[in-house]
Amino acid sequence: MIRKQLTIQGHVQGVCFRSNTRQKAQQLGLKGWVRNCANGEVACVAEGEEIQILQLLDWMRSHPGEARVEAIREQTEAATGEYSDFIILPT
């Protein structure tokens, strides 16, 4: 298992990106969280098998719904196992 810290840039706030991300992450069996940032970006931490995280990244890049993802910064770390679900955190 791995953990990816993601920062998603583009038109990703006010378009249900967080709730769609949570739904997709849960479908993929990932654990972690997603939240809006004050600067208009979205932050996300996802833990799980690398293939599922790559599927989440591919889904994000495919411009889900009304969102328009312009860039994703990612940092890979060892999974901590601290999450029991994938949730939306407050901004």
PDB file of N, CA and C in Angstrom:
ATOM      1  N   MET A   1       0.834  -1.181   0.000  1.00  0.00           N
ATOM      2  CA  MET A   1       0.000   0.000   0.000  1.00  0.00           C
ATOM      3  C   MET A   1       0.882   1.249   0.000  1.00  0.00           C
ATOM      4  N   ILE A   2       0.353   2.285  -0.636  1.00  0.00           N
ATOM      5  CA  ILE A   2       1.052   3.556  -0.671  1.00  0.00           C
ATOM      6  C   ILE A   2       0.098   4.677  -0.277  1.00  0.00           C
ATOM      7  N   ARG A   3       0.684   5.831  -0.093  1.00  0.00           N
ATOM      8  CA  ARG A   3      -0.084   7.031   0.230  1.00  0.00           C
ATOM      9  C   ARG A   3       0.366   8.122  -0.734  1.00  0.00           C
ATOM     10  N   LYS A   4      -0.605   8.811  -1.328  1.00  0.00           N
ATOM     11  CA  LYS A   4      -0.287   9.946  -2.191  1.00  0.00           C
ATOM     12  C   LYS A   4      -0.949  11.187  -1.625  1.00  0.00           C
ATOM     13  N   GLN A   5      -0.142  12.237  -1.496  1.00  0.00           N
ATOM     14  CA  GLN A   5      -0.676  13.552  -1.177  1.00  0.00           C
ATOM     15  C   GLN A   5      -0.805  14.288  -2.500  1.00  0.00           C
ATOM     16  N   LEU A   6      -2.006  14.772  -2.782  1.00  0.00           N
ATOM     17  CA  LEU A   6      -2.299  15.386  -4.071  1.00  0.00           C
ATOM     18  C   LEU A   6      -2.760  16.823  -3.890  1.00  0.00           C
ATOM     19  N   THR A   7      -2.364  17.665  -4.812  1.00  0.00           N
ATOM     20  CA  THR A   7      -2.888  19.019  -4.898  1.00  0.00           C
ATOM     21  C   THR A   7      -3.399  19.187  -6.324  1.00  0.00           C
ATOM     22  N   ILE A   8      -4.695  19.441  -6.435  1.00  0.00           N
ATOM     23  CA  ILE A   8      -5.338  19.507  -7.738  1.00  0.00           C
ATOM     24  C   ILE A   8      -5.628  20.965  -8.069  1.00  0.00           C
ATOM     25  N   GLN A   9      -5.168  21.402  -9.241  1.00  0.00           N
ATOM     26  CA  GLN A   9      -5.357  22.776  -9.683  1.00  0.00           C
ATOM     27  C   GLN A   9      -6.294  22.811 -10.880  1.00  0.00           C
ATOM     28  N   GLY A  10      -7.007  23.925 -10.995  1.00  0.00           N
ATOM     29  CA  GLY A  10      -7.923  24.110 -12.114  1.00  0.00           C
ATOM     30  C   GLY A  10      -9.257  24.607 -11.600  1.00  0.00           C
ATOM     31  N   HIS A  11     -10.294  24.365 -12.378  1.00  0.00           N
ATOM     32  CA  HIS A  11     -11.658  24.727 -11.970  1.00  0.00           C
ATOM     33  C   HIS A  11     -12.225  23.527 -11.210  1.00  0.00           C
ATOM     34  N   VAL A  12     -11.916  23.464  -9.904  1.00  0.00           N
ATOM     35  CA  VAL A  12     -12.241  22.280  -9.116  1.00  0.00           C
ATOM     36  C   VAL A  12     -13.051  22.598  -7.856  1.00  0.00           C
ATOM     37  N   GLN A  13     -13.456  23.842  -7.693  1.00  0.00           N
ATOM     38  CA  GLN A  13     -14.319  24.194  -6.559  1.00  0.00           C
ATOM     39  C   GLN A  13     -15.662  24.681  -7.080  1.00  0.00           C
ATOM     40  N   GLY A  14     -16.716  24.329  -6.346  1.00  0.00           N
ATOM     41  CA  GLY A  14     -18.058  24.721  -6.745  1.00  0.00           C
ATOM     42  C   GLY A  14     -18.628  23.881  -7.867  1.00  0.00           C
ATOM     43  N   VAL A  15     -18.023  22.724  -8.138  1.00  0.00           N
ATOM     44  CA  VAL A  15     -18.479  21.859  -9.238  1.00  0.00           C
ATOM     45  C   VAL A  15     -18.622  20.397  -8.784  1.00  0.00           C
ATOM     46  N   CYS A  16     -18.797  20.177  -7.493  1.00  0.00           N
ATOM     47  CA  CYS A  16     -18.974  18.830  -6.904  1.00  0.00           C
ATOM     48  C   CYS A  16     -17.739  17.942  -7.041  1.00  0.00           C
ATOM     49  N   PHE A  17     -16.559  18.546  -7.222  1.00  0.00           N
ATOM     50  CA  PHE A  17     -15.342  17.752  -7.387  1.00  0.00           C
ATOM     51  C   PHE A  17     -15.039  16.931  -6.145  1.00  0.00           C
ATOM     52  N   ARG A  18     -15.209  17.519  -4.958  1.00  0.00           N
ATOM     53  CA  ARG A  18     -14.905  16.772  -3.733  1.00  0.00           C
ATOM     54  C   ARG A  18     -15.829  15.581  -3.562  1.00  0.00           C
ATOM     55  N   SER A  19     -17.119  15.790  -3.746  1.00  0.00           N
ATOM     56  CA  SER A  19     -18.053  14.672  -3.548  1.00  0.00           C
ATOM     57  C   SER A  19     -17.868  13.605  -4.619  1.00  0.00           C
ATOM     58  N   ASN A  20     -17.589  14.014  -5.850  1.00  0.00           N
ATOM     59  CA  ASN A  20     -17.318  13.030  -6.898  1.00  0.00           C
ATOM     60  C   ASN A  20     -16.023  12.277  -6.628  1.00  0.00           C
ATOM     61  N   THR A  21     -15.017  12.979  -6.096  1.00  0.00           N
ATOM     62  CA  THR A  21     -13.753  12.330  -5.751  1.00  0.00           C
ATOM     63  C   THR A  21     -13.961  11.320  -4.634  1.00  0.00           C
ATOM     64  N   ARG A  22     -14.723  11.710  -3.612  1.00  0.00           N
ATOM     65  CA  ARG A  22     -15.009  10.765  -2.521  1.00  0.00           C
ATOM     66  C   ARG A  22     -15.704   9.519  -3.048  1.00  0.00           C
ATOM     67  N   GLN A  23     -16.700   9.711  -3.901  1.00  0.00           N
ATOM     68  CA  GLN A  23     -17.446   8.579  -4.446  1.00  0.00           C
ATOM     69  C   GLN A  23     -16.525   7.657  -5.252  1.00  0.00           C
ATOM     70  N   LYS A  24     -15.679   8.245  -6.105  1.00  0.00           N
ATOM     71  CA  LYS A  24     -14.771   7.433  -6.917  1.00  0.00           C
ATOM     72  C   LYS A  24     -13.752   6.712  -6.033  1.00  0.00           C
ATOM     73  N   ALA A  25     -13.200   7.417  -5.047  1.00  0.00           N
ATOM     74  CA  ALA A  25     -12.220   6.806  -4.149  1.00  0.00           C
ATOM     75  C   ALA A  25     -12.844   5.641  -3.381  1.00  0.00           C
ATOM     76  N   GLN A  26     -14.072   5.813  -2.913  1.00  0.00           N
ATOM     77  CA  GLN A  26     -14.746   4.734  -2.193  1.00  0.00           C
ATOM     78  C   GLN A  26     -14.996   3.548  -3.120  1.00  0.00           C
ATOM     79  N   GLN A  27     -15.371   3.811  -4.369  1.00  0.00           N
ATOM     80  CA  GLN A  27     -15.572   2.725  -5.337  1.00  0.00           C
ATOM     81  C   GLN A  27     -14.283   1.937  -5.549  1.00  0.00           C
ATOM     82  N   LEU A  28     -13.158   2.654  -5.498  1.00  0.00           N
ATOM     83  CA  LEU A  28     -11.855   2.015  -5.711  1.00  0.00           C
ATOM     84  C   LEU A  28     -11.286   1.385  -4.441  1.00  0.00           C
ATOM     85  N   GLY A  29     -11.963   1.553  -3.310  1.00  0.00           N
ATOM     86  CA  GLY A  29     -11.505   0.976  -2.052  1.00  0.00           C
ATOM     87  C   GLY A  29     -10.390   1.773  -1.391  1.00  0.00           C
ATOM     88  N   LEU A  30     -10.270   3.059  -1.732  1.00  0.00           N
ATOM     89  CA  LEU A  30      -9.226   3.900  -1.149  1.00  0.00           C
ATOM     90  C   LEU A  30      -9.685   4.509   0.167  1.00  0.00           C
ATOM     91  N   LYS A  31      -8.733   4.877   0.984  1.00  0.00           N
ATOM     92  CA  LYS A  31      -8.981   5.546   2.262  1.00  0.00           C
ATOM     93  C   LYS A  31      -8.279   6.895   2.225  1.00  0.00           C
ATOM     94  N   GLY A  32      -8.810   7.876   2.978  1.00  0.00           N
ATOM     95  CA  GLY A  32      -8.164   9.180   3.048  1.00  0.00           C
ATOM     96  C   GLY A  32      -9.171  10.299   3.112  1.00  0.00           C
ATOM     97  N   TRP A  33      -8.839  11.409   2.471  1.00  0.00           N
ATOM     98  CA  TRP A  33      -9.709  12.588   2.534  1.00  0.00           C
ATOM     99  C   TRP A  33      -9.484  13.515   1.351  1.00  0.00           C
ATOM    100  N   VAL A  34     -10.433  14.432   1.175  1.00  0.00           N
ATOM    101  CA  VAL A  34     -10.344  15.475   0.159  1.00  0.00           C
ATOM    102  C   VAL A  34     -10.933  16.740   0.771  1.00  0.00           C
ATOM    103  N   ARG A  35     -10.375  17.920   0.411  1.00  0.00           N
ATOM    104  CA  ARG A  35     -10.911  19.184   0.927  1.00  0.00           C
ATOM    105  C   ARG A  35     -10.544  20.326  -0.013  1.00  0.00           C
ATOM    106  N   ASN A  36     -11.359  21.390   0.042  1.00  0.00           N
ATOM    107  CA  ASN A  36     -11.046  22.617  -0.678  1.00  0.00           C
ATOM    108  C   ASN A  36      -9.970  23.382   0.072  1.00  0.00           C
ATOM    109  N   CYS A  37      -9.138  24.093  -0.663  1.00  0.00           N
ATOM    110  CA  CYS A  37      -8.129  24.976  -0.088  1.00  0.00           C
ATOM    111  C   CYS A  37      -8.553  26.424  -0.344  1.00  0.00           C
ATOM    112  N   ALA A  38      -8.092  27.319   0.502  1.00  0.00           N
ATOM    113  CA  ALA A  38      -8.457  28.727   0.392  1.00  0.00           C
ATOM    114  C   ALA A  38      -7.992  29.347  -0.927  1.00  0.00           C
ATOM    115  N   ASN A  39      -6.947  28.799  -1.548  1.00  0.00           N
ATOM    116  CA  ASN A  39      -6.415  29.371  -2.781  1.00  0.00           C
ATOM    117  C   ASN A  39      -7.102  28.849  -4.048  1.00  0.00           C
ATOM    118  N   GLY A  40      -8.183  28.071  -3.906  1.00  0.00           N
ATOM    119  CA  GLY A  40      -8.921  27.565  -5.058  1.00  0.00           C
ATOM    120  C   GLY A  40      -8.517  26.173  -5.496  1.00  0.00           C
ATOM    121  N   GLU A  41      -7.471  25.625  -4.901  1.00  0.00           N
ATOM    122  CA  GLU A  41      -7.059  24.267  -5.214  1.00  0.00           C
ATOM    123  C   GLU A  41      -7.847  23.281  -4.352  1.00  0.00           C
ATOM    124  N   VAL A  42      -7.661  22.010  -4.630  1.00  0.00           N
ATOM    125  CA  VAL A  42      -8.220  20.938  -3.810  1.00  0.00           C
ATOM    126  C   VAL A  42      -7.056  20.077  -3.344  1.00  0.00           C
ATOM    127  N   ALA A  43      -7.038  19.747  -2.053  1.00  0.00           N
ATOM    128  CA  ALA A  43      -6.022  18.863  -1.485  1.00  0.00           C
ATOM    129  C   ALA A  43      -6.654  17.498  -1.236  1.00  0.00           C
ATOM    130  N   CYS A  44      -5.843  16.465  -1.363  1.00  0.00           N
ATOM    131  CA  CYS A  44      -6.349  15.102  -1.210  1.00  0.00           C
ATOM    132  C   CYS A  44      -5.226  14.215  -0.701  1.00  0.00           C
ATOM    133  N   VAL A  45      -5.569  13.302   0.195  1.00  0.00           N
ATOM    134  CA  VAL A  45      -4.663  12.238   0.614  1.00  0.00           C
ATOM    135  C   VAL A  45      -5.384  10.929   0.340  1.00  0.00           C
ATOM    136  N   ALA A  46      -4.736  10.062  -0.418  1.00  0.00           N
ATOM    137  CA  ALA A  46      -5.333   8.769  -0.755  1.00  0.00           C
ATOM    138  C   ALA A  46      -4.361   7.658  -0.392  1.00  0.00           C
ATOM    139  N   GLU A  47      -4.880   6.658   0.289  1.00  0.00           N
ATOM    140  CA  GLU A  47      -4.092   5.479   0.643  1.00  0.00           C
ATOM    141  C   GLU A  47      -4.750   4.240   0.070  1.00  0.00           C
ATOM    142  N   GLY A  48      -3.917   3.349  -0.433  1.00  0.00           N
ATOM    143  CA  GLY A  48      -4.417   2.092  -0.972  1.00  0.00           C
ATOM    144  C   GLY A  48      -3.384   1.469  -1.882  1.00  0.00           C
ATOM    145  N   GLU A  49      -3.822   0.526  -2.685  1.00  0.00           N
ATOM    146  CA  GLU A  49      -2.933  -0.111  -3.644  1.00  0.00           C
ATOM    147  C   GLU A  49      -2.606   0.875  -4.758  1.00  0.00           C
ATOM    148  N   GLU A  50      -1.391   0.814  -5.236  1.00  0.00           N
ATOM    149  CA  GLU A  50      -0.938   1.776  -6.247  1.00  0.00           C
ATOM    150  C   GLU A  50      -1.846   1.798  -7.472  1.00  0.00           C
ATOM    151  N   ILE A  51      -2.316   0.650  -7.918  1.00  0.00           N
ATOM    152  CA  ILE A  51      -3.155   0.599  -9.122  1.00  0.00           C
ATOM    153  C   ILE A  51      -4.455   1.385  -8.919  1.00  0.00           C
ATOM    154  N   GLN A  52      -5.042   1.280  -7.724  1.00  0.00           N
ATOM    155  CA  GLN A  52      -6.282   2.022  -7.460  1.00  0.00           C
ATOM    156  C   GLN A  52      -6.019   3.525  -7.402  1.00  0.00           C
ATOM    157  N   ILE A  53      -4.888   3.924  -6.829  1.00  0.00           N
ATOM    158  CA  ILE A  53      -4.564   5.353  -6.773  1.00  0.00           C
ATOM    159  C   ILE A  53      -4.308   5.881  -8.181  1.00  0.00           C
ATOM    160  N   LEU A  54      -3.639   5.097  -9.015  1.00  0.00           N
ATOM    161  CA  LEU A  54      -3.424   5.506 -10.398  1.00  0.00           C
ATOM    162  C   LEU A  54      -4.746   5.636 -11.141  1.00  0.00           C
ATOM    163  N   GLN A  55      -5.698   4.769 -10.844  1.00  0.00           N
ATOM    164  CA  GLN A  55      -7.024   4.870 -11.450  1.00  0.00           C
ATOM    165  C   GLN A  55      -7.732   6.148 -11.002  1.00  0.00           C
ATOM    166  N   LEU A  56      -7.568   6.517  -9.727  1.00  0.00           N
ATOM    167  CA  LEU A  56      -8.150   7.766  -9.236  1.00  0.00           C
ATOM    168  C   LEU A  56      -7.521   8.958  -9.960  1.00  0.00           C
ATOM    169  N   LEU A  57      -6.207   8.955 -10.116  1.00  0.00           N
ATOM    170  CA  LEU A  57      -5.524  10.040 -10.824  1.00  0.00           C
ATOM    171  C   LEU A  57      -5.980  10.129 -12.275  1.00  0.00           C
ATOM    172  N   ASP A  58      -6.118   9.001 -12.950  1.00  0.00           N
ATOM    173  CA  ASP A  58      -6.616   8.999 -14.330  1.00  0.00           C
ATOM    174  C   ASP A  58      -8.017   9.580 -14.394  1.00  0.00           C
ATOM    175  N   TRP A  59      -8.864   9.195 -13.434  1.00  0.00           N
ATOM    176  CA  TRP A  59     -10.226   9.717 -13.383  1.00  0.00           C
ATOM    177  C   TRP A  59     -10.210  11.227 -13.185  1.00  0.00           C
ATOM    178  N   MET A  60      -9.374  11.719 -12.263  1.00  0.00           N
ATOM    179  CA  MET A  60      -9.276  13.168 -12.032  1.00  0.00           C
ATOM    180  C   MET A  60      -8.847  13.904 -13.297  1.00  0.00           C
ATOM    181  N   ARG A  61      -7.882  13.348 -13.991  1.00  0.00           N
ATOM    182  CA  ARG A  61      -7.360  13.991 -15.208  1.00  0.00           C
ATOM    183  C   ARG A  61      -8.372  13.969 -16.350  1.00  0.00           C
ATOM    184  N   SER A  62      -9.368  13.110 -16.266  1.00  0.00           N
ATOM    185  CA  SER A  62     -10.362  12.999 -17.347  1.00  0.00           C
ATOM    186  C   SER A  62     -11.436  14.074 -17.241  1.00  0.00           C
ATOM    187  N   HIS A  63     -11.225  15.057 -16.369  1.00  0.00           N
ATOM    188  CA  HIS A  63     -12.145  16.191 -16.204  1.00  0.00           C
ATOM    189  C   HIS A  63     -13.552  15.719 -15.818  1.00  0.00           C
ATOM    190  N   PRO A  64     -13.690  15.124 -14.632  1.00  0.00           N
ATOM    191  CA  PRO A  64     -14.993  14.597 -14.213  1.00  0.00           C
ATOM    192  C   PRO A  64     -16.034  15.700 -14.038  1.00  0.00           C
ATOM    193  N   GLY A  65     -17.240  15.458 -14.543  1.00  0.00           N
ATOM    194  CA  GLY A  65     -18.334  16.414 -14.365  1.00  0.00           C
ATOM    195  C   GLY A  65     -17.985  17.776 -14.933  1.00  0.00           C
ATOM    196  N   GLU A  66     -18.285  18.807 -14.174  1.00  0.00           N
ATOM    197  CA  GLU A  66     -18.012  20.185 -14.587  1.00  0.00           C
ATOM    198  C   GLU A  66     -16.583  20.620 -14.267  1.00  0.00           C
ATOM    199  N   ALA A  67     -15.849  19.810 -13.547  1.00  0.00           N
ATOM    200  CA  ALA A  67     -14.480  20.165 -13.152  1.00  0.00           C
ATOM    201  C   ALA A  67     -13.561  20.204 -14.367  1.00  0.00           C
ATOM    202  N   ARG A  68     -12.547  21.050 -14.265  1.00  0.00           N
ATOM    203  CA  ARG A  68     -11.501  21.125 -15.285  1.00  0.00           C
ATOM    204  C   ARG A  68     -10.153  21.100 -14.573  1.00  0.00           C
ATOM    205  N   VAL A  69      -9.558  19.920 -14.513  1.00  0.00           N
ATOM    206  CA  VAL A  69      -8.275  19.743 -13.841  1.00  0.00           C
ATOM    207  C   VAL A  69      -7.170  20.179 -14.794  1.00  0.00           C
ATOM    208  N   GLU A  70      -6.367  21.140 -14.336  1.00  0.00           N
ATOM    209  CA  GLU A  70      -5.259  21.641 -15.151  1.00  0.00           C
ATOM    210  C   GLU A  70      -3.935  20.990 -14.769  1.00  0.00           C
ATOM    211  N   ALA A  71      -3.764  20.683 -13.494  1.00  0.00           N
ATOM    212  CA  ALA A  71      -2.511  20.066 -13.035  1.00  0.00           C
ATOM    213  C   ALA A  71      -2.752  19.348 -11.717  1.00  0.00           C
ATOM    214  N   ILE A  72      -1.973  18.308 -11.486  1.00  0.00           N
ATOM    215  CA  ILE A  72      -1.994  17.588 -10.210  1.00  0.00           C
ATOM    216  C   ILE A  72      -0.556  17.436  -9.740  1.00  0.00           C
ATOM    217  N   ARG A  73      -0.279  18.006  -8.573  1.00  0.00           N
ATOM    218  CA  ARG A  73       1.019  17.775  -7.928  1.00  0.00           C
ATOM    219  C   ARG A  73       0.836  16.581  -7.006  1.00  0.00           C
ATOM    220  N   GLU A  74       1.800  15.688  -7.000  1.00  0.00           N
ATOM    221  CA  GLU A  74       1.667  14.503  -6.154  1.00  0.00           C
ATOM    222  C   GLU A  74       2.966  14.175  -5.448  1.00  0.00           C
ATOM    223  N   GLN A  75       2.797  13.650  -4.253  1.00  0.00           N
ATOM    224  CA  GLN A  75       3.931  13.204  -3.449  1.00  0.00           C
ATOM    225  C   GLN A  75       3.585  11.820  -2.918  1.00  0.00           C
ATOM    226  N   THR A  76       4.473  10.864  -3.135  1.00  0.00           N
ATOM    227  CA  THR A  76       4.242   9.486  -2.711  1.00  0.00           C
ATOM    228  C   THR A  76       4.974   9.223  -1.402  1.00  0.00           C
ATOM    229  N   GLU A  77       4.280   8.554  -0.486  1.00  0.00           N
ATOM    230  CA  GLU A  77       4.834   8.208   0.820  1.00  0.00           C
ATOM    231  C   GLU A  77       4.393   6.795   1.168  1.00  0.00           C
ATOM    232  N   ALA A  78       4.904   6.301   2.268  1.00  0.00           N
ATOM    233  CA  ALA A  78       4.438   5.016   2.789  1.00  0.00           C
ATOM    234  C   ALA A  78       3.068   5.217   3.418  1.00  0.00           C
ATOM    235  N   ALA A  79       2.180   4.275   3.214  1.00  0.00           N
ATOM    236  CA  ALA A  79       0.845   4.347   3.815  1.00  0.00           C
ATOM    237  C   ALA A  79       0.950   4.240   5.331  1.00  0.00           C
ATOM    238  N   THR A  80       0.092   4.970   6.028  1.00  0.00           N
ATOM    239  CA  THR A  80       0.077   4.916   7.490  1.00  0.00           C
ATOM    240  C   THR A  80      -1.050   4.042   8.014  1.00  0.00           C
ATOM    241  N   GLY A  81      -2.080   3.829   7.213  1.00  0.00           N
ATOM    242  CA  GLY A  81      -3.215   3.028   7.652  1.00  0.00           C
ATOM    243  C   GLY A  81      -4.096   3.730   8.666  1.00  0.00           C
ATOM    244  N   GLU A  82      -3.965   5.046   8.782  1.00  0.00           N
ATOM    245  CA  GLU A  82      -4.712   5.783   9.805  1.00  0.00           C
ATOM    246  C   GLU A  82      -6.165   6.067   9.436  1.00  0.00           C
ATOM    247  N   TYR A  83      -6.542   5.859   8.196  1.00  0.00           N
ATOM    248  CA  TYR A  83      -7.897   6.183   7.744  1.00  0.00           C
ATOM    249  C   TYR A  83      -8.739   4.929   7.605  1.00  0.00           C
ATOM    250  N   SER A  84     -10.015   5.040   7.993  1.00  0.00           N
ATOM    251  CA  SER A  84     -10.923   3.892   7.874  1.00  0.00           C
ATOM    252  C   SER A  84     -11.924   4.078   6.749  1.00  0.00           C
ATOM    253  N   ASP A  85     -11.946   5.263   6.124  1.00  0.00           N
ATOM    254  CA  ASP A  85     -12.886   5.567   5.056  1.00  0.00           C
ATOM    255  C   ASP A  85     -12.277   6.694   4.224  1.00  0.00           C
ATOM    256  N   PHE A  86     -12.972   7.135   3.215  1.00  0.00           N
ATOM    257  CA  PHE A  86     -12.556   8.292   2.427  1.00  0.00           C
ATOM    258  C   PHE A  86     -13.614   9.367   2.670  1.00  0.00           C
ATOM    259  N   ILE A  87     -13.187  10.495   3.239  1.00  0.00           N
ATOM    260  CA  ILE A  87     -14.139  11.514   3.672  1.00  0.00           C
ATOM    261  C   ILE A  87     -13.811  12.877   3.070  1.00  0.00           C
ATOM    262  N   ILE A  88     -14.780  13.782   3.174  1.00  0.00           N
ATOM    263  CA  ILE A  88     -14.593  15.169   2.798  1.00  0.00           C
ATOM    264  C   ILE A  88     -14.327  15.952   4.082  1.00  0.00           C
ATOM    265  N   LEU A  89     -13.193  16.639   4.116  1.00  0.00           N
ATOM    266  CA  LEU A  89     -12.854  17.475   5.261  1.00  0.00           C
ATOM    267  C   LEU A  89     -13.336  18.901   5.019  1.00  0.00           C
ATOM    268  N   PRO A  90     -13.619  19.646   6.089  1.00  0.00           N
ATOM    269  CA  PRO A  90     -13.981  21.045   5.906  1.00  0.00           C
ATOM    270  C   PRO A  90     -12.803  21.850   5.347  1.00  0.00           C
ATOM    271  N   THR A  91     -13.128  22.931   4.705  1.00  0.00           N
ATOM    272  CA  THR A  91     -12.107  23.799   4.118  1.00  0.00           C
ATOM    273  C   THR A  91     -11.231  24.386   5.205  1.00  0.00           C
TER     274      THR A  91
END
